[in-house]
C-alpha atoms as a PDB file:
ATOM      1  CA  MET A   1      12.638 -36.869  15.622  1.00  0.00           C
ATOM      2  CA  SER A   2      15.792 -37.346  13.243  1.00  0.00           C
ATOM      3  CA  PHE A   3      17.797 -39.817  13.439  1.00  0.00           C
ATOM      4  CA  GLY A   4      21.291 -38.575  14.790  1.00  0.00           C
ATOM      5  CA  ALA A   5      19.607 -36.412  17.138  1.00  0.00           C
ATOM      6  CA  LEU A   6      17.805 -39.146  18.296  1.00  0.00           C
ATOM      7  CA  SER A   7      19.902 -42.643  19.113  1.00  0.00           C
ATOM      8  CA  PRO A   8      19.449 -45.731  16.934  1.00  0.00           C
ATOM      9  CA  ALA A   9      17.376 -47.327  19.751  1.00  0.00           C
ATOM     10  CA  ALA A  10      14.789 -44.768  19.996  1.00  0.00           C
ATOM     11  CA  VAL A  11      14.577 -44.435  16.363  1.00  0.00           C
ATOM     12  CA  LEU A  12      13.563 -48.335  16.004  1.00  0.00           C
ATOM     13  CA  ALA A  13      11.052 -48.059  19.347  1.00  0.00           C
ATOM     14  CA  LEU A  14       9.380 -45.477  17.873  1.00  0.00           C
ATOM     15  CA  SER A  15       9.155 -47.382  14.244  1.00  0.00           C
ATOM     16  CA  ARG A  16       8.084 -50.332  15.982  1.00  0.00           C
ATOM     17  CA  GLY A  17       5.836 -48.541  18.025  1.00  0.00           C
ATOM     18  CA  ALA A  18       4.253 -46.678  15.218  1.00  0.00           C
ATOM     19  CA  LYS A  19       3.542 -49.722  13.153  1.00  0.00           C
ATOM     20  CA  ALA A  20       1.836 -51.605  15.808  1.00  0.00           C
ATOM     21  CA  ALA A  21      -0.103 -48.555  16.599  1.00  0.00           C
ATOM     22  CA  GLY A  22      -1.161 -48.205  12.942  1.00  0.00           C
ATOM     23  CA  ILE A  23      -0.253 -44.388  12.652  1.00  0.00           C
ATOM     24  CA  TRP A  24       2.992 -43.079  10.726  1.00  0.00           C
ATOM     25  CA  MET A  25       6.201 -41.679  11.839  1.00  0.00           C
ATOM     26  CA  ALA A  26       8.012 -38.571  10.256  1.00  0.00           C
ATOM     27  CA  THR A  27      11.807 -38.908  10.180  1.00  0.00           C
ATOM     28  CA  GLY A  28      12.603 -35.161  10.961  1.00  0.00           C
ATOM     29  CA  GLU A  29      15.255 -33.312   8.998  1.00  0.00           C
ATOM     30  CA  GLY A  30      18.269 -35.692   9.194  1.00  0.00           C
ATOM     31  CA  GLY A  31      16.852 -38.063   6.646  1.00  0.00           C
ATOM     32  CA  LEU A  32      16.004 -42.130   6.461  1.00  0.00           C
ATOM     33  CA  SER A  33      17.663 -44.535   8.378  1.00  0.00           C
ATOM     34  CA  ARG A  34      17.367 -48.655   8.175  1.00  0.00           C
ATOM     35  CA  TYR A  35      15.641 -47.772  11.747  1.00  0.00           C
ATOM     36  CA  HIS A  36      12.671 -46.009  10.565  1.00  0.00           C
ATOM     37  CA  LEU A  37      12.175 -48.453   8.117  1.00  0.00           C
ATOM     38  CA  GLU A  38      12.899 -51.915  10.051  1.00  0.00           C
ATOM     39  CA  GLY A  39       9.370 -51.122  12.060  1.00  0.00           C
ATOM     40  CA  GLY A  40       7.379 -51.696   8.892  1.00  0.00           C
ATOM     41  CA  GLY A  41       5.430 -48.648   9.455  1.00  0.00           C
ATOM     42  CA  ASP A  42       4.257 -45.919   6.877  1.00  0.00           C
ATOM     43  CA  ILE A  43       6.528 -42.814   6.850  1.00  0.00           C
ATOM     44  CA  VAL A  44       6.678 -39.029   5.787  1.00  0.00           C
ATOM     45  CA  MET A  45      10.250 -38.214   4.565  1.00  0.00           C
ATOM     46  CA  GLN A  46      10.939 -34.625   5.721  1.00  0.00           C
ATOM     47  CA  ILE A  47      13.224 -32.163   3.782  1.00  0.00           C
ATOM     48  CA  GLY A  48      14.600 -29.825   5.838  1.00  0.00           C
ATOM     49  CA  THR A  49      16.773 -27.167   4.760  1.00  0.00           C
ATOM     50  CA  ALA A  50      20.086 -28.831   4.861  1.00  0.00           C
ATOM     51  CA  LYS A  51      18.306 -31.286   2.622  1.00  0.00           C
ATOM     52  CA  TYR A  52      19.551 -34.138   4.865  1.00  0.00           C
ATOM     53  CA  GLY A  53      19.343 -37.365   2.791  1.00  0.00           C
ATOM     54  CA  VAL A  54      18.193 -36.103  -0.628  1.00  0.00           C
ATOM     55  CA  ARG A  55      21.255 -33.613  -0.850  1.00  0.00           C
ATOM     56  CA  ASN A  56      24.263 -33.302  -3.367  1.00  0.00           C
ATOM     57  CA  LEU A  57      27.416 -32.784  -2.324  1.00  0.00           C
ATOM     58  CA  ASP A  58      26.992 -28.882  -2.218  1.00  0.00           C
ATOM     59  CA  GLY A  59      23.881 -29.286  -0.056  1.00  0.00           C
ATOM     60  CA  THR A  60      21.377 -28.738  -3.224  1.00  0.00           C
ATOM     61  CA  LEU A  61      18.434 -31.283  -3.929  1.00  0.00           C
ATOM     62  CA  SER A  62      19.486 -34.388  -5.454  1.00  0.00           C
ATOM     63  CA  ASP A  63      16.536 -35.820  -8.056  1.00  0.00           C
ATOM     64  CA  ASP A  64      18.328 -39.262  -7.964  1.00  0.00           C
ATOM     65  CA  LYS A  65      18.078 -39.403  -4.038  1.00  0.00           C
ATOM     66  CA  LEU A  66      14.437 -38.424  -3.961  1.00  0.00           C
ATOM     67  CA  ARG A  67      13.859 -40.870  -6.269  1.00  0.00           C
ATOM     68  CA  GLU A  68      15.989 -43.737  -4.317  1.00  0.00           C
ATOM     69  CA  ILE A  69      13.901 -42.328  -0.835  1.00  0.00           C
ATOM     70  CA  ALA A  70      10.487 -42.752  -2.948  1.00  0.00           C
ATOM     71  CA  ALA A  71      11.313 -46.306  -3.994  1.00  0.00           C
ATOM     72  CA  HIS A  72      10.731 -47.623  -0.259  1.00  0.00           C
ATOM     73  CA  PRO A  73       7.347 -48.454  -0.233  1.00  0.00           C
ATOM     74  CA  GLN A  74       7.007 -47.421   3.051  1.00  0.00           C
ATOM     75  CA  VAL A  75       7.569 -43.818   2.380  1.00  0.00           C
ATOM     76  CA  LYS A  76       4.087 -42.246   1.492  1.00  0.00           C
ATOM     77  CA  MET A  77       4.622 -38.752   1.549  1.00  0.00           C
ATOM     78  CA  PHE A  78       7.209 -35.880   1.552  1.00  0.00           C
ATOM     79  CA  GLU A  79       7.265 -32.776   3.845  1.00  0.00           C
ATOM     80  CA  VAL A  80       9.221 -29.694   3.442  1.00  0.00           C
ATOM     81  CA  LYS A  81      10.122 -28.214   6.339  1.00  0.00           C
ATOM     82  CA  LEU A  82      10.119 -24.566   6.562  1.00  0.00           C
ATOM     83  CA  ALA A  83      10.257 -23.855  10.404  1.00  0.00           C
ATOM     84  CA  GLN A  84       9.233 -25.893  13.508  1.00  0.00           C
ATOM     85  CA  GLY A  85       7.852 -24.140  16.387  1.00  0.00           C
ATOM     86  CA  ALA A  86      10.990 -24.064  18.643  1.00  0.00           C
ATOM     87  CA  LYS A  87      13.327 -22.268  16.326  1.00  0.00           C
ATOM     88  CA  PRO A  88      11.478 -20.525  13.828  1.00  0.00           C
ATOM     89  CA  GLY A  89      13.650 -18.593  11.606  1.00  0.00           C
ATOM     90  CA  LYS A  90      16.776 -20.712  13.004  1.00  0.00           C
ATOM     91  CA  GLY A  91      18.987 -23.025  11.873  1.00  0.00           C
ATOM     92  CA  GLY A  92      20.690 -26.017  13.731  1.00  0.00           C
ATOM     93  CA  ILE A  93      23.404 -27.511  14.342  1.00  0.00           C
ATOM     94  CA  LEU A  94      24.177 -31.786  14.711  1.00  0.00           C
ATOM     95  CA  PRO A  95      27.605 -31.825  16.637  1.00  0.00           C
ATOM     96  CA  GLY A  96      30.424 -33.371  15.223  1.00  0.00           C
ATOM     97  CA  ASN A  97      31.059 -35.594  17.964  1.00  0.00           C
ATOM     98  CA  LYS A  98      27.369 -37.253  16.904  1.00  0.00           C
ATOM     99  CA  VAL A  99      28.186 -37.008  13.071  1.00  0.00           C
ATOM    100  CA  THR A 100      29.389 -41.085  13.495  1.00  0.00           C
ATOM    101  CA  PRO A 101      30.390 -42.709   9.683  1.00  0.00           C
ATOM    102  CA  GLU A 102      26.501 -44.174   9.787  1.00  0.00           C
ATOM    103  CA  ILE A 103      24.913 -40.621  10.184  1.00  0.00           C
ATOM    104  CA  ALA A 104      27.429 -39.218   7.824  1.00  0.00           C
ATOM    105  CA  ALA A 105      26.480 -41.564   5.276  1.00  0.00           C
ATOM    106  CA  ILE A 106      22.535 -41.144   5.676  1.00  0.00           C
ATOM    107  CA  ARG A 107      22.938 -37.298   5.743  1.00  0.00           C
ATOM    108  CA  GLY A 108      25.665 -37.122   3.201  1.00  0.00           C
ATOM    109  CA  ILE A 109      27.679 -34.741   5.099  1.00  0.00           C
ATOM    110  CA  PRO A 110      31.438 -35.316   6.360  1.00  0.00           C
ATOM    111  CA  VAL A 111      32.100 -37.754   9.295  1.00  0.00           C
ATOM    112  CA  GLY A 112      33.054 -36.334  12.601  1.00  0.00           C
ATOM    113  CA  GLU A 113      32.249 -32.328  11.495  1.00  0.00           C
ATOM    114  CA  ASP A 114      29.457 -29.994  12.649  1.00  0.00           C
ATOM    115  CA  SER A 115      26.601 -29.852  10.549  1.00  0.00           C
ATOM    116  CA  ILE A 116      24.675 -26.724  10.014  1.00  0.00           C
ATOM    117  CA  SER A 117      21.144 -26.272   9.015  1.00  0.00           C
ATOM    118  CA  PRO A 118      20.995 -23.162   7.066  1.00  0.00           C
ATOM    119  CA  ASN A 119      17.443 -20.834   9.062  1.00  0.00           C
ATOM    120  CA  ARG A 120      15.683 -21.112   5.266  1.00  0.00           C
ATOM    121  CA  HIS A 121      16.197 -23.128   2.417  1.00  0.00           C
ATOM    122  CA  ARG A 122      18.381 -21.234   0.621  1.00  0.00           C
ATOM    123  CA  ASP A 123      16.565 -21.930  -2.915  1.00  0.00           C
ATOM    124  CA  ILE A 124      13.205 -21.171  -1.442  1.00  0.00           C
ATOM    125  CA  GLY A 125      13.278 -17.433  -1.704  1.00  0.00           C
ATOM    126  CA  SER A 126       9.707 -16.527  -2.637  1.00  0.00           C
ATOM    127  CA  ILE A 127       6.084 -17.932  -3.079  1.00  0.00           C
ATOM    128  CA  ALA A 128       6.274 -18.916  -6.288  1.00  0.00           C
ATOM    129  CA  GLU A 129       9.831 -20.817  -5.659  1.00  0.00           C
ATOM    130  CA  LEU A 130       7.973 -22.775  -2.970  1.00  0.00           C
ATOM    131  CA  GLY A 131       5.132 -23.810  -5.505  1.00  0.00           C
ATOM    132  CA  ALA A 132       8.011 -24.909  -7.801  1.00  0.00           C
ATOM    133  CA  PHE A 133       9.875 -26.579  -4.829  1.00  0.00           C
ATOM    134  CA  VAL A 134       6.867 -28.728  -4.231  1.00  0.00           C
ATOM    135  CA  HIS A 135       5.978 -29.195  -7.556  1.00  0.00           C
ATOM    136  CA  ARG A 136       9.758 -30.476  -8.320  1.00  0.00           C
ATOM    137  CA  VAL A 137       9.535 -32.872  -5.405  1.00  0.00           C
ATOM    138  CA  ARG A 138       5.919 -33.882  -5.942  1.00  0.00           C
ATOM    139  CA  SER A 139       6.921 -34.740  -9.467  1.00  0.00           C
ATOM    140  CA  VAL A 140      10.211 -36.252  -9.111  1.00  0.00           C
ATOM    141  CA  THR A 141       8.900 -38.972  -6.392  1.00  0.00           C
ATOM    142  CA  GLY A 142       5.134 -39.267  -7.686  1.00  0.00           C
ATOM    143  CA  LYS A 143       4.216 -39.022  -3.915  1.00  0.00           C
ATOM    144  CA  PRO A 144       1.971 -36.385  -1.785  1.00  0.00           C
ATOM    145  CA  VAL A 145       4.337 -33.215  -0.840  1.00  0.00           C
ATOM    146  CA  GLY A 146       3.182 -31.345   2.173  1.00  0.00           C
ATOM    147  CA  VAL A 147       4.944 -28.184   4.049  1.00  0.00           C
ATOM    148  CA  LYS A 148       5.566 -27.547   7.474  1.00  0.00           C
ATOM    149  CA  ILE A 149       5.437 -23.851   8.778  1.00  0.00           C
ATOM    150  CA  VAL A 150       5.074 -22.011  11.807  1.00  0.00           C
ATOM    151  CA  ALA A 151       2.239 -19.158  11.604  1.00  0.00           C
ATOM    152  CA  GLY A 152       3.290 -15.384  11.182  1.00  0.00           C
ATOM    153  CA  GLN A 153       1.911 -12.948   8.992  1.00  0.00           C
ATOM    154  CA  PRO A 154      -1.321 -13.403   7.561  1.00  0.00           C
ATOM    155  CA  GLY A 155      -0.128 -11.569   4.719  1.00  0.00           C
ATOM    156  CA  PHE A 156       1.976 -14.225   3.471  1.00  0.00           C
ATOM    157  CA  LEU A 157      -0.569 -17.276   4.433  1.00  0.00           C
ATOM    158  CA  ASN A 158      -2.994 -15.119   1.815  1.00  0.00           C
ATOM    159  CA  ASP A 159      -0.436 -14.519  -1.058  1.00  0.00           C
ATOM    160  CA  TRP A 160       0.604 -18.216  -0.993  1.00  0.00           C
ATOM    161  CA  LEU A 161      -2.880 -19.966  -0.861  1.00  0.00           C
ATOM    162  CA  ASN A 162      -3.596 -17.453  -3.756  1.00  0.00           C
ATOM    163  CA  ASP A 163      -0.804 -18.757  -5.856  1.00  0.00           C
ATOM    164  CA  CYS A 164      -2.179 -22.252  -4.924  1.00  0.00           C
ATOM    165  CA  VAL A 165      -5.440 -20.976  -6.397  1.00  0.00           C
ATOM    166  CA  MET A 166      -4.075 -19.580  -9.499  1.00  0.00           C
ATOM    167  CA  HIS A 167      -1.035 -22.417 -10.142  1.00  0.00           C
ATOM    168  CA  PRO A 168      -2.578 -25.926  -8.778  1.00  0.00           C
ATOM    169  CA  GLN A 169       0.777 -27.277  -9.537  1.00  0.00           C
ATOM    170  CA  HIS A 170       2.278 -25.373  -6.970  1.00  0.00           C
ATOM    171  CA  CYS A 171      -0.243 -26.337  -4.433  1.00  0.00           C
ATOM    172  CA  PRO A 172       0.476 -28.547  -1.361  1.00  0.00           C
ATOM    173  CA  ASP A 173      -1.063 -31.628  -0.506  1.00  0.00           C
ATOM    174  CA  TYR A 174      -1.147 -30.567   3.475  1.00  0.00           C
ATOM    175  CA  ILE A 175       0.008 -27.859   5.329  1.00  0.00           C
ATOM    176  CA  GLN A 176       1.251 -28.858   8.980  1.00  0.00           C
ATOM    177  CA  ILE A 177       1.250 -25.925  11.285  1.00  0.00           C
ATOM    178  CA  ASP A 178       3.618 -26.463  14.165  1.00  0.00           C
ATOM    179  CA  GLY A 179       2.500 -24.031  16.981  1.00  0.00           C
ATOM    180  CA  GLY A 180       4.951 -21.352  18.515  1.00  0.00           C
ATOM    181  CA  GLU A 181       4.815 -23.370  22.026  1.00  0.00           C
ATOM    182  CA  GLY A 182       6.349 -26.257  20.108  1.00  0.00           C
ATOM    183  CA  GLY A 183       9.960 -27.241  21.609  1.00  0.00           C
ATOM    184  CA  THR A 184      12.979 -29.317  21.373  1.00  0.00           C
ATOM    185  CA  GLY A 185      16.096 -29.625  24.222  1.00  0.00           C
ATOM    186  CA  ALA A 186      18.363 -28.467  22.113  1.00  0.00           C
ATOM    187  CA  ALA A 187      16.675 -24.984  20.938  1.00  0.00           C
ATOM    188  CA  PRO A 188      16.868 -21.602  22.235  1.00  0.00           C
ATOM    189  CA  ALA A 189      14.660 -20.733  25.036  1.00  0.00           C
ATOM    190  CA  ALA A 190      13.703 -17.256  23.920  1.00  0.00           C
ATOM    191  CA  LEU A 191      12.391 -19.028  20.301  1.00  0.00           C
ATOM    192  CA  ALA A 192      10.830 -22.074  22.100  1.00  0.00           C
ATOM    193  CA  ASP A 193       8.966 -19.338  24.525  1.00  0.00           C
ATOM    194  CA  TYR A 194       8.212 -16.316  22.909  1.00  0.00           C
ATOM    195  CA  VAL A 195       8.264 -16.559  18.868  1.00  0.00           C
ATOM    196  CA  GLY A 196       5.625 -17.933  16.418  1.00  0.00           C
ATOM    197  CA  LEU A 197       1.604 -17.873  17.218  1.00  0.00           C
ATOM    198  CA  PRO A 198       0.541 -20.535  19.466  1.00  0.00           C
ATOM    199  CA  ILE A 199      -1.633 -23.272  18.013  1.00  0.00           C
ATOM    200  CA  THR A 200      -4.661 -21.969  19.271  1.00  0.00           C
ATOM    201  CA  LEU A 201      -4.100 -19.143  17.594  1.00  0.00           C
ATOM    202  CA  ALA A 202      -2.887 -20.349  14.348  1.00  0.00           C
ATOM    203  CA  LEU A 203      -4.553 -23.411  13.519  1.00  0.00           C
ATOM    204  CA  PRO A 204      -8.113 -21.379  13.225  1.00  0.00           C
ATOM    205  CA  MET A 205      -5.819 -19.092  11.003  1.00  0.00           C
ATOM    206  CA  VAL A 206      -4.618 -21.262   8.653  1.00  0.00           C
ATOM    207  CA  VAL A 207      -8.264 -23.241   8.633  1.00  0.00           C
ATOM    208  CA  GLU A 208      -9.906 -20.331   7.986  1.00  0.00           C
ATOM    209  CA  ALA A 209      -7.861 -18.942   5.094  1.00  0.00           C
ATOM    210  CA  ARG A 210      -7.719 -22.388   3.325  1.00  0.00           C
ATOM    211  CA  ASP A 211     -11.516 -22.525   3.283  1.00  0.00           C
ATOM    212  CA  ARG A 212     -12.010 -19.072   2.078  1.00  0.00           C
ATOM    213  CA  HIS A 213      -9.621 -19.726  -0.553  1.00  0.00           C
ATOM    214  CA  GLY A 214     -11.883 -22.951  -1.663  1.00  0.00           C
ATOM    215  CA  LEU A 215      -9.124 -25.100  -0.856  1.00  0.00           C
ATOM    216  CA  THR A 216     -10.956 -27.564   1.274  1.00  0.00           C
ATOM    217  CA  GLU A 217     -10.442 -30.627  -0.374  1.00  0.00           C
ATOM    218  CA  ARG A 218      -7.188 -29.767  -1.846  1.00  0.00           C
ATOM    219  CA  ILE A 219      -5.295 -29.460   0.695  1.00  0.00           C
ATOM    220  CA  ARG A 220      -5.187 -30.945   4.744  1.00  0.00           C
ATOM    221  CA  ILE A 221      -4.435 -29.726   7.503  1.00  0.00           C
ATOM    222  CA  LEU A 222      -2.212 -30.910  10.271  1.00  0.00           C
ATOM    223  CA  ALA A 223      -2.036 -29.706  13.390  1.00  0.00           C
ATOM    224  CA  SER A 224       0.991 -29.924  16.224  1.00  0.00           C
ATOM    225  CA  GLY A 225       1.966 -28.181  19.548  1.00  0.00           C
ATOM    226  CA  LYS A 226       2.295 -29.537  22.454  1.00  0.00           C
ATOM    227  CA  LEU A 227      -0.986 -31.746  21.274  1.00  0.00           C
ATOM    228  CA  ILE A 228      -0.056 -34.376  23.913  1.00  0.00           C
ATOM    229  CA  THR A 229      -3.468 -35.146  25.607  1.00  0.00           C
ATOM    230  CA  PRO A 230      -6.571 -36.476  24.025  1.00  0.00           C
ATOM    231  CA  ASP A 231      -8.383 -33.155  24.727  1.00  0.00           C
ATOM    232  CA  LYS A 232      -5.880 -31.352  23.091  1.00  0.00           C
ATOM    233  CA  VAL A 233      -6.161 -33.570  19.968  1.00  0.00           C
ATOM    234  CA  ALA A 234      -9.853 -33.331  19.981  1.00  0.00           C
ATOM    235  CA  TRP A 235      -9.593 -29.580  20.372  1.00  0.00           C
ATOM    236  CA  ALA A 236      -7.255 -29.596  17.074  1.00  0.00           C
ATOM    237  CA  LEU A 237      -9.864 -31.613  15.433  1.00  0.00           C
ATOM    238  CA  CYS A 238     -12.975 -29.674  16.335  1.00  0.00           C
ATOM    239  CA  MET A 239     -11.031 -26.580  15.119  1.00  0.00           C
ATOM    240  CA  GLY A 240     -10.695 -27.815  11.545  1.00  0.00           C
ATOM    241  CA  ALA A 241      -7.121 -30.519  11.809  1.00  0.00           C
ATOM    242  CA  ASP A 242      -7.419 -32.940   9.489  1.00  0.00           C
ATOM    243  CA  PHE A 243      -4.666 -34.880  11.769  1.00  0.00           C
ATOM    244  CA  VAL A 244      -2.830 -33.985  14.639  1.00  0.00           C
ATOM    245  CA  VAL A 245       0.842 -35.136  15.325  1.00  0.00           C
ATOM    246  CA  SER A 246       2.839 -35.162  18.344  1.00  0.00           C
ATOM    247  CA  ALA A 247       7.041 -35.405  19.261  1.00  0.00           C
ATOM    248  CA  ARG A 248       6.575 -34.679  22.738  1.00  0.00           C
ATOM    249  CA  GLY A 249       4.059 -36.885  23.657  1.00  0.00           C
ATOM    250  CA  PHE A 250       6.202 -39.640  21.739  1.00  0.00           C
ATOM    251  CA  MET A 251       9.434 -38.729  23.261  1.00  0.00           C
ATOM    252  CA  PHE A 252       7.893 -38.790  27.082  1.00  0.00           C
ATOM    253  CA  SER A 253       6.612 -42.518  25.835  1.00  0.00           C
ATOM    254  CA  LEU A 254      10.291 -43.516  25.170  1.00  0.00           C
ATOM    255  CA  GLY A 255      11.370 -42.455  28.789  1.00  0.00           C
ATOM    256  CA  CYS A 256      12.369 -38.247  28.283  1.00  0.00           C
ATOM    257  CA  ILE A 257      12.343 -36.906  31.290  1.00  0.00           C
ATOM    258  CA  GLN A 258      13.436 -33.150  29.593  1.00  0.00           C
ATOM    259  CA  ALA A 259      17.050 -33.402  31.291  1.00  0.00           C
ATOM    260  CA  MET A 260      17.594 -30.988  28.451  1.00  0.00           C
ATOM    261  CA  LYS A 261      20.919 -32.727  27.386  1.00  0.00           C
ATOM    262  CA  CYS A 262      19.663 -33.456  23.610  1.00  0.00           C
ATOM    263  CA  GLY A 263      22.223 -31.526  22.097  1.00  0.00           C
ATOM    264  CA  SER A 264      24.843 -32.805  24.283  1.00  0.00           C
ATOM    265  CA  GLY A 265      24.654 -36.472  23.609  1.00  0.00           C
ATOM    266  CA  LYS A 266      24.566 -37.194  27.475  1.00  0.00           C
ATOM    267  CA  CYS A 267      20.973 -37.768  27.558  1.00  0.00           C
ATOM    268  CA  PRO A 268      20.350 -39.526  30.771  1.00  0.00           C
ATOM    269  CA  THR A 269      17.731 -41.779  29.361  1.00  0.00           C
ATOM    270  CA  GLY A 270      19.519 -42.780  25.934  1.00  0.00           C
ATOM    271  CA  VAL A 271      16.843 -41.076  24.170  1.00  0.00           C
ATOM    272  CA  ALA A 272      19.452 -38.763  22.580  1.00  0.00           C
ATOM    273  CA  SER A 273      22.873 -40.187  24.020  1.00  0.00           C
ATOM    274  CA  VAL A 274      26.142 -40.835  22.314  1.00  0.00           C
ATOM    275  CA  ASP A 275      27.609 -42.658  24.675  1.00  0.00           C
ATOM    276  CA  GLU A 276      26.643 -46.685  24.095  1.00  0.00           C
ATOM    277  CA  ARG A 277      26.596 -47.045  27.923  1.00  0.00           C
ATOM    278  CA  LEU A 278      23.469 -44.607  27.722  1.00  0.00           C
ATOM    279  CA  ARG A 279      21.767 -45.982  25.262  1.00  0.00           C
ATOM    280  CA  GLN A 280      21.635 -49.778  26.322  1.00  0.00           C
ATOM    281  CA  GLY A 281      19.291 -48.024  29.081  1.00  0.00           C
ATOM    282  CA  LEU A 282      16.655 -47.908  26.054  1.00  0.00           C
ATOM    283  CA  ASP A 283      15.271 -51.307  25.416  1.00  0.00           C
ATOM    284  CA  PRO A 284      13.642 -50.511  21.855  1.00  0.00           C
ATOM    285  CA  THR A 285      11.382 -53.651  22.839  1.00  0.00           C
ATOM    286  CA  ASP A 286       9.748 -52.380  25.805  1.00  0.00           C
ATOM    287  CA  LYS A 287       9.644 -48.690  24.543  1.00  0.00           C
ATOM    288  CA  GLY A 288       8.172 -49.494  21.381  1.00  0.00           C
ATOM    289  CA  ASN A 289       5.442 -51.199  22.865  1.00  0.00           C
ATOM    290  CA  ARG A 290       4.926 -48.092  25.439  1.00  0.00           C
ATOM    291  CA  VAL A 291       4.945 -45.698  21.785  1.00  0.00           C
ATOM    292  CA  ALA A 292       1.830 -48.160  20.504  1.00  0.00           C
ATOM    293  CA  MET A 293      -0.099 -48.034  24.070  1.00  0.00           C
ATOM    294  CA  TYR A 294       0.430 -44.408  24.011  1.00  0.00           C
ATOM    295  CA  ALA A 295      -0.774 -43.600  20.589  1.00  0.00           C
ATOM    296  CA  GLN A 296      -3.652 -46.225  20.877  1.00  0.00           C
ATOM    297  CA  GLN A 297      -4.798 -44.505  24.339  1.00  0.00           C
ATOM    298  CA  VAL A 298      -4.863 -41.058  22.775  1.00  0.00           C
ATOM    299  CA  ILE A 299      -6.872 -42.319  20.024  1.00  0.00           C
ATOM    300  CA  HIS A 300      -9.457 -44.571  22.195  1.00  0.00           C
ATOM    301  CA  THR A 301      -9.834 -41.582  24.289  1.00  0.00           C
ATOM    302  CA  VAL A 302     -10.592 -38.681  21.486  1.00  0.00           C
ATOM    303  CA  GLU A 303     -13.146 -41.626  20.209  1.00  0.00           C
ATOM    304  CA  THR A 304     -14.720 -41.941  23.652  1.00  0.00           C
ATOM    305  CA  ILE A 305     -15.073 -37.894  23.837  1.00  0.00           C
ATOM    306  CA  SER A 306     -16.222 -37.659  20.229  1.00  0.00           C
ATOM    307  CA  HIS A 307     -19.244 -40.142  20.889  1.00  0.00           C
ATOM    308  CA  SER A 308     -20.420 -37.945  24.074  1.00  0.00           C
ATOM    309  CA  CYS A 309     -20.801 -35.305  21.797  1.00  0.00           C
ATOM    310  CA  GLY A 310     -23.125 -37.413  19.953  1.00  0.00           C
ATOM    311  CA  LEU A 311     -20.999 -38.362  17.215  1.00  0.00           C
ATOM    312  CA  THR A 312     -20.375 -41.622  15.659  1.00  0.00           C
ATOM    313  CA  ASP A 313     -16.526 -40.999  15.057  1.00  0.00           C
ATOM    314  CA  PRO A 314     -13.852 -38.165  15.642  1.00  0.00           C
ATOM    315  CA  SER A 315     -14.356 -37.206  11.816  1.00  0.00           C
ATOM    316  CA  GLY A 316     -17.746 -35.840  12.634  1.00  0.00           C
ATOM    317  CA  PHE A 317     -16.528 -32.952  15.207  1.00  0.00           C
ATOM    318  CA  SER A 318     -16.953 -29.518  14.353  1.00  0.00           C
ATOM    319  CA  VAL A 319     -16.601 -25.707  15.952  1.00  0.00           C
ATOM    320  CA  ASP A 320     -19.653 -26.598  17.264  1.00  0.00           C
ATOM    321  CA  ASN A 321     -18.358 -29.178  19.714  1.00  0.00           C
ATOM    322  CA  VAL A 322     -16.082 -27.101  21.710  1.00  0.00           C
ATOM    323  CA  THR A 323     -15.882 -24.212  23.708  1.00  0.00           C
ATOM    324  CA  ALA A 324     -13.158 -22.902  26.074  1.00  0.00           C
ATOM    325  CA  THR A 325     -13.340 -22.793  29.820  1.00  0.00           C
ATOM    326  CA  GLU A 326     -12.526 -20.573  32.777  1.00  0.00           C
ATOM    327  CA  SER A 327      -9.442 -22.739  32.939  1.00  0.00           C
ATOM    328  CA  GLY A 328      -8.414 -22.280  29.775  1.00  0.00           C
ATOM    329  CA  VAL A 329      -8.581 -26.175  28.463  1.00  0.00           C
ATOM    330  CA  ALA A 330     -11.376 -27.082  25.955  1.00  0.00           C
ATOM    331  CA  GLY A 331     -14.839 -28.116  27.162  1.00  0.00           C
ATOM    332  CA  PHE A 332     -16.706 -30.151  24.603  1.00  0.00           C
ATOM    333  CA  ARG A 333     -20.769 -30.152  24.014  1.00  0.00           C
ATOM    334  CA  ASN A 334     -23.217 -32.804  22.741  1.00  0.00           C
ATOM    335  CA  THR A 335     -24.358 -31.115  19.451  1.00  0.00           C
ATOM    336  CA  ALA A 336     -26.929 -34.191  18.550  1.00  0.00           C
ATOM    337  CA  HIS A 337     -30.510 -33.224  18.107  1.00  0.00           C
END
């Protein structure tokens, strides 16, 4: 959801829709813009590998800029992005033609030059350094801090959670687990298609590891990765996710047609356009309403599924309420007695 990758009209529409629906909006790694703030809803500030929005000139983390972002009452949490499903282990590039003076000021980068996001945080090379980074951001901002990952080696997860138990100050407040099927039109096809565990394997693995380490009440789990429809959201809640987040679903609500021109600046729907003529095709008021309606309908339908399972609300979902059908979709069952 980065501003710069997305057009101002798209970010504004998402901001307004999130506020109307009573949900939060993550900034993506592109920094916090006035368009995120204008809608008035809750915001999660993401810190990517390039530290856009909270970086010094040399690309290192700036405590002063962290405090400046945290001073906005709408910014409720910070998120350290280690990877996303579309391109785990791969950096990114914002082409120079998209780096306007406004975007450069928000991200803290030179105007008109290609901006490279490294494939990793250069100051996080171990579990201890990850914990220290989380602790630093939380101490400076005074707000909850999460970590976004794509699951890979179970050994890393086990060692990380062991460190959280031994050093509580290093423990994130939440883990967002992104499935390998997550995508973006700017991702290499080989990575989007083949790298990273799918959410159907990753989510149960992370939930089991968290619970086994006695961190159930300490770490919340967010799930993402093509969880667009209510059945997928309900499935994730049954498998132990505390919250479900989506990018693709909200892109569709904005009018995305998956033209795969995200990185070119020539998105025909105005969602990821540089061309002002194309941007005019996206009305933030109309699309903001559509964003809100999409979220509200997903929430309503998930609640309906929970009621049919004999529950008062979706917070009661458990693994006993779901099974896999022959077609691979989730089937839900009533466990009430």
